[in-house]
Amino acid sequence: MHFLKMTCKLHSRKHKLIALSAFILAQSLFCGCQPLSSGSDVWGVIFTSLPSHVSAENIEDPAVAYIFRQTHEPLFRQEDGENFRSKVLLNWARNIKYTEYKFWPDSDLRFNDKIGFSAGYLYSFAEKITRKYGAPFEASLEKDHVVVKFRTSQPGYLLFLTQYKNAPSVINGPTEDGLGEFAVKNISKARIGLERKRSVRNGYNRIVLSQYGGPTDPNLQSRLIADFNKISSFQWPSWIKTEYTGFDNIELRSVGLAINHPDAQVRNTLYNCIDVDEFRRAAIPARKDFYDIQTVLPVGVPGASGGRPVQACIVPKRIRGMAIVLANPRSDNQKELATFSDKFNKNTGLHLVIKQYQPKEMNPMLFDRNYARPYNLVIVVAENFNREQDDFFDSYVGEDRAINDVPASIRKNFSLMRGEGFPGKKRIMAEKLAEQLSSAGLALPLYQTIVKLYYPKRIKNLSVGRGFIENPDVADLRW
């Protein structure tokens, strides 16, 4: 049997003692007892809210995803969109049919002081995670490596193993330990502290996540906060744009307008008659720049296309005067939406009604099947940091979707695409499915988010925005 074998070169690691004074300093930061000096090796970041526990189960929480980026390391990374590499395997191989994979763990790595990354652990992990993958398989332990055999070709298996929610992990109280450079040391309502497993010079040895405390939060004036990018730009301190370096970052996040109506003709009329640029500027008046996309897939995801969707507005006589309800959870856009509504109603003969909801009402109403969906239009935000297409369709046609009436053929095509293992075939299927959503008038693409990220100028090797990554690997940063 022919195998392709890959060798992963790993840098040697040396244990370094952490001085007692540094340990005390870190503890004082974690508990908020006293401020640190400007020369500290602490990376501070502010979040709107913090989780009570950290696990793969709540990795959709932005703070948990940020933590996992520091504390965990998936079996593989695919940051260039094509080639796979591993920081935790000494070697790996697969056969040319994509039915058999072999993994050699780097046994020098440890989750914590008690548990190491052994071949035995990797075998147990492979059985558990491959069962989650879903295809029939057999796993075996062969001395120093693990073998996973599938009955059929599974070219998507390695991509599945790049996801942080599928990274090797062990439970440790209210958190999980991974193979990353950092480990969670303490969790409270206001702060979460991480500490590097082996300290380094000219780098960050501690990470502190703090909960945003409002406009008077003293952290807003602290230069020890290296990352303000997880709170709204409207909450940033005024000095950040002059004292920090800015990076333009295109995110793997698409914003679309879900069209919820049983009549296909009504859906297509709304799709074609709602001016994309006029609507998005009315709905999100604080945003000035928009990155155009033709479908619900953002640029950077296989199958995506740049540019605005093609529209041709024709309003059938039979639907003129029909009431159309837009669900709006924002309070800063009511005047702009009212102006948009007046113009839209005049141009189309339809009756667009803006209905206000509290933000806390939206998620259950959108994605809980036990709730009614008393709207025809609602803005949906979809994201996935791994370039997988599935999540960008899920809010529109998945099980917990924001739309009641989705043609069975589209639901079927979504299921087939989600189960496709060959990346090339899946890209074609995703492209066609995105076109189907547009032609059926189910989702009007509005824009892909693009943001300016700011970080301290002293960092020498920061490369933000490369590969659409906005959560930095703090362990790699040096000054």
Protein backbone atom coordinates (compact mmCIF):
# COMPACT_ATOMS: atom_id res chain seq x y z
CA MET A 1 0.00 0.00 0.00
CA HIS A 2 1.38 3.40 -0.99
CA PHE A 3 1.64 6.05 1.70
CA LEU A 4 2.53 9.71 1.66
CA LYS A 5 4.66 10.36 4.72
CA MET A 6 5.20 13.75 6.30
CA THR A 7 7.75 14.73 8.93
CA CYS A 8 7.01 17.55 11.35
CA LYS A 9 10.12 19.31 12.63
CA LEU A 10 9.66 20.45 16.19
CA HIS A 11 11.79 22.97 18.01
CA SER A 12 13.41 21.71 21.19
CA ARG A 13 11.84 22.99 24.37
CA LYS A 14 13.69 23.77 27.59
CA HIS A 15 12.07 23.96 30.96
CA LYS A 16 12.56 27.31 32.63
CA LEU A 17 11.87 28.20 36.21
CA ILE A 18 9.45 31.03 36.84
CA ALA A 19 10.74 33.36 39.54
CA LEU A 20 8.64 33.64 42.68
CA SER A 21 8.31 37.39 42.21
CA ALA A 22 6.84 36.89 38.76
CA PHE A 23 4.39 34.36 40.12
CA ILE A 24 3.22 36.78 42.82
CA LEU A 25 2.95 39.51 40.20
CA ALA A 26 0.75 37.34 38.03
CA GLN A 27 -1.52 36.44 40.92
CA SER A 28 -1.97 40.11 41.79
CA LEU A 29 -3.08 40.82 38.24
CA PHE A 30 -5.48 37.91 38.13
CA CYS A 31 -7.22 39.01 41.30
CA GLY A 32 -7.10 42.72 40.43
CA CYS A 33 -5.07 43.58 43.55
CA GLN A 34 -2.58 45.99 41.99
CA PRO A 35 -1.49 47.30 38.59
CA LEU A 36 1.56 45.95 36.81
CA SER A 37 4.55 47.93 35.60
CA SER A 38 4.78 48.94 31.96
CA GLY A 39 7.55 46.41 31.35
CA SER A 40 5.33 43.45 32.21
CA ASP A 41 5.10 40.32 30.06
CA VAL A 42 1.31 40.19 30.46
CA TRP A 43 -1.03 40.28 27.48
CA GLY A 44 -4.34 41.86 28.48
CA VAL A 45 -7.56 41.58 26.48
CA ILE A 46 -11.08 42.88 27.20
CA PHE A 47 -14.31 41.03 26.36
CA THR A 48 -17.91 42.16 26.66
CA SER A 49 -18.62 39.06 28.77
CA LEU A 50 -16.67 36.10 30.14
CA PRO A 51 -17.74 32.44 30.40
CA SER A 52 -18.16 30.57 33.69
CA HIS A 53 -16.29 27.59 32.26
CA VAL A 54 -14.02 26.87 29.30
CA SER A 55 -14.63 23.80 27.15
CA ALA A 56 -15.14 22.69 23.56
CA GLU A 57 -18.87 22.63 24.27
CA ASN A 58 -19.00 26.44 24.53
CA ILE A 59 -16.29 27.28 22.00
CA GLU A 60 -18.83 29.38 20.08
CA ASP A 61 -18.35 31.93 22.87
CA PRO A 62 -15.79 34.46 21.52
CA ALA A 63 -13.82 34.42 24.78
CA VAL A 64 -13.62 30.61 24.79
CA ALA A 65 -12.49 30.58 21.15
CA TYR A 66 -9.79 33.12 22.06
CA ILE A 67 -8.65 31.00 25.01
CA PHE A 68 -8.58 27.78 22.97
CA ARG A 69 -6.34 29.51 20.43
CA GLN A 70 -3.79 29.91 23.24
CA THR A 71 -4.30 26.74 25.28
CA HIS A 72 -5.03 24.15 22.59
CA GLU A 73 -3.36 22.90 19.44
CA PRO A 74 -5.31 20.83 16.90
CA LEU A 75 -3.62 17.84 15.31
CA PHE A 76 -3.31 19.85 12.09
CA ARG A 77 -3.33 23.41 10.84
CA GLN A 78 -4.18 24.54 7.31
CA GLU A 79 -3.53 28.26 7.40
CA ASP A 80 -2.69 28.60 3.69
CA GLY A 81 -5.93 26.92 2.67
CA GLU A 82 -4.13 23.94 1.08
CA ASN A 83 -1.24 22.25 2.89
CA PHE A 84 -1.53 20.60 6.29
CA ARG A 85 1.10 20.91 9.00
CA SER A 86 1.27 19.72 12.59
CA LYS A 87 2.93 21.12 15.70
CA VAL A 88 2.05 18.09 17.86
CA LEU A 89 2.93 15.14 15.61
CA LEU A 90 6.48 13.96 14.87
CA ASN A 91 5.31 12.24 11.69
CA TRP A 92 2.09 11.45 9.90
CA ALA A 93 1.09 9.61 6.75
CA ARG A 94 -1.92 8.70 4.63
CA ASN A 95 -2.45 6.38 1.69
CA ILE A 96 -3.34 7.72 -1.75
CA LYS A 97 -6.95 6.56 -1.40
CA TYR A 98 -7.57 8.61 1.75
CA THR A 99 -8.74 5.49 3.59
CA GLU A 100 -5.85 5.04 6.03
CA TYR A 101 -4.06 7.57 8.23
CA LYS A 102 -1.09 7.14 10.58
CA PHE A 103 -0.10 9.51 13.39
CA TRP A 104 3.12 9.60 15.49
CA PRO A 105 2.68 11.83 18.58
CA ASP A 106 5.37 14.07 20.04
CA SER A 107 5.51 12.42 23.45
CA ASP A 108 7.50 15.33 24.92
CA LEU A 109 4.33 17.42 24.92
CA ARG A 110 2.11 17.57 27.99
CA PHE A 111 -1.41 18.71 28.77
CA ASN A 112 -0.41 19.41 32.38
CA ASP A 113 1.94 18.10 35.06
CA LYS A 114 0.04 14.81 35.30
CA ILE A 115 -0.94 13.92 31.73
CA GLY A 116 1.32 13.68 28.68
CA PHE A 117 0.61 13.33 24.97
CA SER A 118 1.39 9.63 24.65
CA ALA A 119 0.55 7.15 21.91
CA GLY A 120 -1.95 5.62 24.31
CA TYR A 121 -3.71 8.94 24.77
CA LEU A 122 -3.67 9.56 21.01
CA TYR A 123 -5.32 6.19 20.43
CA SER A 124 -8.16 7.00 22.86
CA PHE A 125 -8.49 10.46 21.35
CA ALA A 126 -8.56 9.11 17.78
CA GLU A 127 -11.35 6.68 18.64
CA LYS A 128 -13.45 9.39 20.27
CA ILE A 129 -12.93 12.16 17.72
CA THR A 130 -13.25 9.90 14.66
CA ARG A 131 -16.52 8.57 16.03
CA LYS A 132 -17.65 12.20 16.08
CA TYR A 133 -16.47 12.54 12.46
CA GLY A 134 -19.13 10.02 11.55
CA ALA A 135 -17.71 7.69 8.88
CA PRO A 136 -17.27 3.95 9.70
CA PHE A 137 -13.68 3.31 10.85
CA GLU A 138 -11.28 1.18 12.86
CA ALA A 139 -8.50 2.57 15.06
CA SER A 140 -5.48 0.65 16.33
CA LEU A 141 -2.41 1.33 18.47
CA GLU A 142 0.86 0.21 16.85
CA LYS A 143 3.65 0.69 19.43
CA ASP A 144 4.56 4.37 18.95
CA HIS A 145 1.82 5.44 16.54
CA VAL A 146 -1.90 5.24 15.84
CA VAL A 147 -3.61 3.98 12.69
CA VAL A 148 -7.11 5.03 11.58
CA LYS A 149 -8.71 3.04 8.73
CA PHE A 150 -11.93 3.99 6.94
CA ARG A 151 -14.09 1.77 4.76
CA THR A 152 -14.41 4.50 2.14
CA SER A 153 -12.30 7.44 1.00
CA GLN A 154 -12.29 10.30 3.54
CA PRO A 155 -10.27 13.23 2.15
CA GLY A 156 -12.03 15.63 4.53
CA TYR A 157 -10.73 13.90 7.67
CA LEU A 158 -7.64 16.08 8.12
CA LEU A 159 -9.66 19.26 7.65
CA PHE A 160 -11.99 18.02 10.40
CA LEU A 161 -8.95 17.62 12.66
CA THR A 162 -7.92 21.27 12.13
CA GLN A 163 -10.89 22.55 14.12
CA TYR A 164 -10.07 23.75 17.63
CA LYS A 165 -13.22 22.14 19.00
CA ASN A 166 -11.71 18.81 17.86
CA ALA A 167 -8.25 19.43 19.35
CA PRO A 168 -6.70 17.01 21.90
CA SER A 169 -7.93 17.99 25.35
CA VAL A 170 -8.31 16.79 28.94
CA ILE A 171 -10.82 18.03 31.51
CA ASN A 172 -9.39 19.98 34.44
CA GLY A 173 -12.16 21.30 36.70
CA PRO A 174 -14.06 24.20 35.07
CA THR A 175 -11.69 24.22 32.11
CA GLU A 176 -9.87 21.95 29.67
CA ASP A 177 -6.12 21.60 29.19
CA GLY A 178 -4.76 21.34 25.66
CA LEU A 179 -1.39 21.05 23.96
CA GLY A 180 -1.02 24.80 23.46
CA GLU A 181 1.66 26.94 25.09
CA PHE A 182 -0.71 28.30 27.75
CA ALA A 183 -2.99 26.81 30.42
CA VAL A 184 -5.92 28.36 32.28
CA LYS A 185 -4.91 29.04 35.88
CA ASN A 186 -7.99 30.70 37.36
CA ILE A 187 -11.50 31.78 36.42
CA SER A 188 -13.69 34.41 38.06
CA LYS A 189 -16.66 36.49 36.95
CA ALA A 190 -14.46 39.46 36.08
CA ARG A 191 -11.21 37.83 34.95
CA ILE A 192 -9.68 34.68 33.50
CA GLY A 193 -5.94 34.13 33.87
CA LEU A 194 -3.71 32.03 31.61
CA GLU A 195 -0.06 31.19 32.20
CA ARG A 196 2.56 29.91 29.80
CA LYS A 197 3.67 26.35 30.57
CA ARG A 198 7.32 27.24 29.95
CA SER A 199 8.28 30.90 30.26
CA VAL A 200 10.22 32.76 27.55
CA ARG A 201 12.21 35.97 27.27
CA ASN A 202 10.96 38.92 25.19
CA GLY A 203 7.54 37.35 24.95
CA TYR A 204 4.24 37.14 26.82
CA ASN A 205 4.14 34.64 29.69
CA ARG A 206 0.68 35.49 31.02
CA ILE A 207 -2.65 36.35 29.45
CA VAL A 208 -5.49 38.04 31.31
CA LEU A 209 -9.03 38.27 29.94
CA SER A 210 -11.05 41.00 31.65
CA GLN A 211 -14.76 41.72 31.43
CA TYR A 212 -15.67 45.15 30.08
CA GLY A 213 -16.89 47.40 32.88
CA GLY A 214 -18.47 50.23 30.91
CA PRO A 215 -17.20 53.69 29.87
CA THR A 216 -15.47 54.25 33.23
CA ASP A 217 -13.61 50.92 33.18
CA PRO A 218 -10.02 51.72 34.31
CA ASN A 219 -8.73 49.12 31.85
CA LEU A 220 -9.60 51.52 29.03
CA GLN A 221 -6.69 53.70 30.15
CA SER A 222 -4.29 50.81 30.75
CA ARG A 223 -1.45 50.25 28.27
CA LEU A 224 -1.23 46.73 29.70
CA ILE A 225 -4.32 45.89 27.65
CA ALA A 226 -2.77 44.74 24.37
CA ASP A 227 -6.03 43.73 22.69
CA PHE A 228 -9.09 46.00 22.71
CA ASN A 229 -10.41 44.40 19.53
CA LYS A 230 -12.95 42.16 21.25
CA ILE A 231 -15.14 45.06 22.32
CA SER A 232 -16.92 47.45 19.98
CA SER A 233 -14.74 50.05 18.27
CA PHE A 234 -17.12 52.65 19.72
CA GLN A 235 -15.90 51.58 23.18
CA TRP A 236 -12.18 51.90 22.40
CA PRO A 237 -10.09 54.54 24.19
CA SER A 238 -9.27 57.56 22.04
CA TRP A 239 -5.50 57.05 22.36
CA ILE A 240 -5.42 53.62 20.73
CA LYS A 241 -5.19 54.91 17.13
CA THR A 242 -2.04 56.94 17.84
CA GLU A 243 -0.23 54.68 20.30
CA TYR A 244 -0.99 51.28 18.72
CA THR A 245 -0.43 49.93 15.19
CA GLY A 246 -3.50 49.32 13.03
CA PHE A 247 -4.07 46.33 10.73
CA ASP A 248 -6.86 45.93 8.17
CA ASN A 249 -8.51 42.53 8.61
CA ILE A 250 -11.13 40.90 6.40
CA GLU A 251 -13.09 38.51 8.60
CA LEU A 252 -14.66 35.19 7.71
CA ARG A 253 -18.02 36.63 8.70
CA SER A 254 -20.94 37.33 6.37
CA VAL A 255 -24.02 39.42 7.07
CA GLY A 256 -27.18 38.64 5.14
CA LEU A 257 -30.90 39.34 5.12
CA ALA A 258 -32.95 36.19 5.72
CA ILE A 259 -36.24 36.32 3.79
CA ASN A 260 -38.96 34.38 5.57
CA HIS A 261 -42.11 34.03 3.45
CA PRO A 262 -43.94 30.95 2.07
CA ASP A 263 -44.61 32.61 -1.31
CA ALA A 264 -41.61 32.26 -3.64
CA GLN A 265 -42.77 35.23 -5.73
CA VAL A 266 -42.83 37.46 -2.66
CA ARG A 267 -39.37 36.26 -1.62
CA ASN A 268 -37.91 36.97 -5.05
CA THR A 269 -39.50 40.42 -5.12
CA LEU A 270 -37.93 41.29 -1.77
CA TYR A 271 -34.58 39.85 -2.87
CA ASN A 272 -34.53 41.94 -6.04
CA CYS A 273 -36.12 45.16 -4.80
CA ILE A 274 -34.23 45.78 -1.55
CA ASP A 275 -31.26 47.91 -2.56
CA VAL A 276 -28.29 46.28 -0.83
CA ASP A 277 -26.26 49.42 -0.20
CA GLU A 278 -29.20 51.59 0.87
CA PHE A 279 -30.51 48.94 3.25
CA ARG A 280 -27.21 48.10 4.95
CA ARG A 281 -26.41 51.78 5.51
CA ALA A 282 -29.84 52.26 7.07
CA ALA A 283 -29.68 49.09 9.19
CA ILE A 284 -26.11 49.66 10.41
CA PRO A 285 -25.65 53.46 10.24
CA ALA A 286 -22.47 53.49 12.33
CA ARG A 287 -20.60 51.36 9.78
CA LYS A 288 -19.09 53.31 6.91
CA ASP A 289 -17.21 50.66 4.92
CA PHE A 290 -18.71 47.47 3.50
CA TYR A 291 -17.00 44.58 1.71
CA ASP A 292 -19.32 43.30 -1.03
CA ILE A 293 -20.14 39.61 -1.50
CA GLN A 294 -22.38 37.98 -4.12
CA THR A 295 -23.63 35.11 -1.95
CA VAL A 296 -23.84 34.17 1.72
CA LEU A 297 -20.28 32.79 1.49
CA PRO A 298 -17.61 35.36 2.48
CA VAL A 299 -14.48 35.73 0.39
CA GLY A 300 -11.87 33.30 1.73
CA VAL A 301 -14.34 30.40 1.92
CA PRO A 302 -14.22 27.97 -1.03
CA GLY A 303 -17.08 28.73 -3.43
CA ALA A 304 -17.39 32.43 -2.54
CA SER A 305 -17.55 35.31 -5.02
CA GLY A 306 -16.85 39.00 -4.53
CA GLY A 307 -19.08 41.81 -5.77
CA ARG A 308 -22.74 42.59 -5.14
CA PRO A 309 -25.62 40.25 -5.99
CA VAL A 310 -27.37 40.79 -9.33
CA GLN A 311 -30.82 42.35 -8.85
CA ALA A 312 -33.73 43.26 -11.15
CA CYS A 313 -36.77 44.69 -9.35
CA ILE A 314 -40.21 43.71 -10.68
CA VAL A 315 -43.25 43.84 -8.37
CA PRO A 316 -46.25 41.67 -9.35
CA LYS A 317 -49.57 43.50 -9.04
CA ARG A 318 -51.07 40.82 -6.81
CA ILE A 319 -48.64 41.48 -3.96
CA ARG A 320 -48.76 45.28 -3.94
CA GLY A 321 -49.98 46.60 -0.61
CA MET A 322 -48.80 43.44 1.18
CA ALA A 323 -47.34 44.02 4.66
CA ILE A 324 -43.71 42.92 5.13
CA VAL A 325 -42.28 42.80 8.68
CA LEU A 326 -38.61 43.52 9.37
CA ALA A 327 -37.43 42.44 12.84
CA ASN A 328 -35.02 45.04 14.24
CA PRO A 329 -33.13 44.57 17.55
CA ARG A 330 -31.11 47.79 17.30
CA SER A 331 -31.98 51.16 18.81
CA ASP A 332 -29.48 53.30 16.87
CA ASN A 333 -31.03 52.88 13.42
CA GLN A 334 -34.75 53.59 13.80
CA LYS A 335 -34.67 56.94 12.01
CA GLU A 336 -32.61 55.56 9.12
CA LEU A 337 -34.81 52.49 8.72
CA ALA A 338 -37.94 54.64 8.74
CA THR A 339 -36.51 56.71 5.89
CA PHE A 340 -35.55 53.56 3.98
CA SER A 341 -39.00 52.07 4.55
CA ASP A 342 -40.77 55.17 3.20
CA LYS A 343 -38.70 55.12 0.01
CA PHE A 344 -39.05 51.34 -0.43
CA ASN A 345 -42.83 51.47 0.02
CA LYS A 346 -43.14 54.30 -2.48
CA ASN A 347 -41.04 52.50 -5.10
CA THR A 348 -42.60 49.04 -4.74
CA GLY A 349 -46.14 49.52 -3.49
CA LEU A 350 -45.38 47.11 -0.65
CA HIS A 351 -45.83 48.04 3.02
CA LEU A 352 -42.56 47.47 4.91
CA VAL A 353 -43.12 47.57 8.68
CA ILE A 354 -40.21 47.91 11.12
CA LYS A 355 -40.91 45.97 14.32
CA GLN A 356 -38.62 46.55 17.31
CA TYR A 357 -37.37 43.69 19.51
CA GLN A 358 -35.03 43.53 22.48
CA PRO A 359 -31.65 41.94 21.63
CA LYS A 360 -32.30 39.15 24.16
CA GLU A 361 -35.47 38.19 22.27
CA MET A 362 -33.72 37.62 18.97
CA ASN A 363 -31.73 34.40 19.39
CA PRO A 364 -34.65 32.27 20.66
CA MET A 365 -36.93 33.74 18.01
CA LEU A 366 -34.39 33.10 15.26
CA PHE A 367 -33.02 29.68 16.08
CA ASP A 368 -35.33 27.94 18.56
CA ARG A 369 -37.89 25.88 16.66
CA ASN A 370 -40.33 26.16 19.57
CA TYR A 371 -40.63 29.93 18.99
CA ALA A 372 -42.77 31.55 16.32
CA ARG A 373 -41.02 33.65 13.69
CA PRO A 374 -43.28 36.71 13.41
CA TYR A 375 -41.16 38.41 10.76
CA ASN A 376 -40.45 38.30 7.04
CA LEU A 377 -37.01 39.90 7.12
CA VAL A 378 -34.21 39.63 9.66
CA ILE A 379 -30.47 40.25 9.56
CA VAL A 380 -28.35 37.13 10.12
CA VAL A 381 -24.62 37.06 10.93
CA ALA A 382 -22.69 33.87 10.16
CA GLU A 383 -19.03 33.07 10.79
CA ASN A 384 -16.57 30.20 10.83
CA PHE A 385 -12.83 30.66 11.37
CA ASN A 386 -11.96 27.37 9.63
CA ARG A 387 -13.19 28.20 6.09
CA GLU A 388 -15.80 25.46 6.33
CA GLN A 389 -18.87 26.32 4.26
CA ASP A 390 -21.46 24.63 6.50
CA ASP A 391 -21.99 27.39 9.08
CA PHE A 392 -22.67 30.03 6.44
CA PHE A 393 -25.69 28.07 5.24
CA ASP A 394 -26.85 26.70 8.58
CA SER A 395 -28.70 29.83 9.74
CA TYR A 396 -30.74 29.85 6.53
CA VAL A 397 -31.41 26.18 5.74
CA GLY A 398 -30.08 24.11 8.69
CA GLU A 399 -32.02 22.53 11.54
CA ASP A 400 -32.03 25.71 13.65
CA ARG A 401 -32.64 28.15 10.82
CA ALA A 402 -34.16 31.63 10.79
CA ILE A 403 -36.51 30.74 7.90
CA ASN A 404 -39.69 28.66 8.13
CA ASP A 405 -40.24 27.62 4.52
CA VAL A 406 -37.19 26.20 2.74
CA PRO A 407 -37.67 24.05 -0.40
CA ALA A 408 -36.94 20.38 0.28
CA SER A 409 -34.50 20.25 -2.63
CA ILE A 410 -32.34 22.95 -1.03
CA ARG A 411 -32.41 21.19 2.35
CA LYS A 412 -31.34 17.97 0.62
CA ASN A 413 -28.49 19.68 -1.25
CA PHE A 414 -27.30 21.23 2.02
CA SER A 415 -27.21 17.80 3.64
CA LEU A 416 -25.27 16.34 0.71
CA MET A 417 -22.76 19.19 0.71
CA ARG A 418 -22.22 18.90 4.46
CA GLY A 419 -21.37 15.21 4.09
CA GLU A 420 -19.01 15.61 1.13
CA GLY A 421 -15.40 14.76 1.96
CA PHE A 422 -13.56 15.88 -1.18
CA PRO A 423 -12.74 19.62 -0.86
CA GLY A 424 -12.96 20.21 -4.62
CA LYS A 425 -16.40 18.63 -4.91
CA LYS A 426 -17.60 20.40 -1.78
CA ARG A 427 -16.53 23.77 -3.18
CA ILE A 428 -18.61 23.19 -6.32
CA MET A 429 -21.59 22.03 -4.25
CA ALA A 430 -21.30 25.04 -1.93
CA GLU A 431 -21.15 27.42 -4.88
CA LYS A 432 -24.30 25.90 -6.39
CA LEU A 433 -26.12 25.88 -3.05
CA ALA A 434 -25.30 29.55 -2.52
CA GLU A 435 -26.74 30.32 -5.95
CA GLN A 436 -29.87 28.34 -5.06
CA LEU A 437 -30.42 30.42 -1.93
CA SER A 438 -30.25 33.53 -4.09
CA SER A 439 -32.49 32.25 -6.89
CA ALA A 440 -35.07 31.06 -4.32
CA GLY A 441 -35.02 34.48 -2.67
CA LEU A 442 -34.12 33.07 0.74
CA ALA A 443 -31.02 35.11 1.57
CA LEU A 444 -29.88 38.51 0.31
CA PRO A 445 -26.11 38.95 0.94
CA LEU A 446 -25.37 42.33 2.51
CA TYR A 447 -21.63 42.40 3.20
CA GLN A 448 -18.56 40.72 4.62
CA THR A 449 -17.13 42.36 7.70
CA ILE A 450 -13.81 44.17 7.51
CA VAL A 451 -12.29 45.71 10.61
CA LYS A 452 -9.25 47.63 11.76
CA LEU A 453 -7.41 45.81 14.52
CA TYR A 454 -4.98 47.60 16.85
CA TYR A 455 -2.04 46.11 18.77
CA PRO A 456 0.99 47.51 20.66
CA LYS A 457 3.75 48.89 18.44
CA ARG A 458 6.52 47.09 20.32
CA ILE A 459 5.56 43.69 18.89
CA LYS A 460 8.01 42.82 16.12
CA ASN A 461 6.39 39.82 14.43
CA LEU A 462 2.64 40.43 14.51
CA SER A 463 0.89 39.41 11.28
CA VAL A 464 -2.82 39.96 11.72
CA GLY A 465 -5.23 39.47 8.87
CA ARG A 466 -3.10 36.75 7.25
CA GLY A 467 -5.44 33.91 6.45
CA PHE A 468 -8.39 35.86 7.87
CA ILE A 469 -7.19 35.19 11.41
CA GLU A 470 -8.17 37.75 14.04
CA ASN A 471 -7.28 35.80 17.21
CA PRO A 472 -3.49 36.05 17.46
CA ASP A 473 -1.23 33.26 18.67
CA VAL A 474 0.06 35.15 21.69
CA ALA A 475 2.73 32.50 22.30
CA ASP A 476 4.46 33.43 19.03
CA LEU A 477 4.67 37.18 19.67
CA ARG A 478 8.03 38.78 20.50
CA TRP A 479 9.41 42.25 21.08
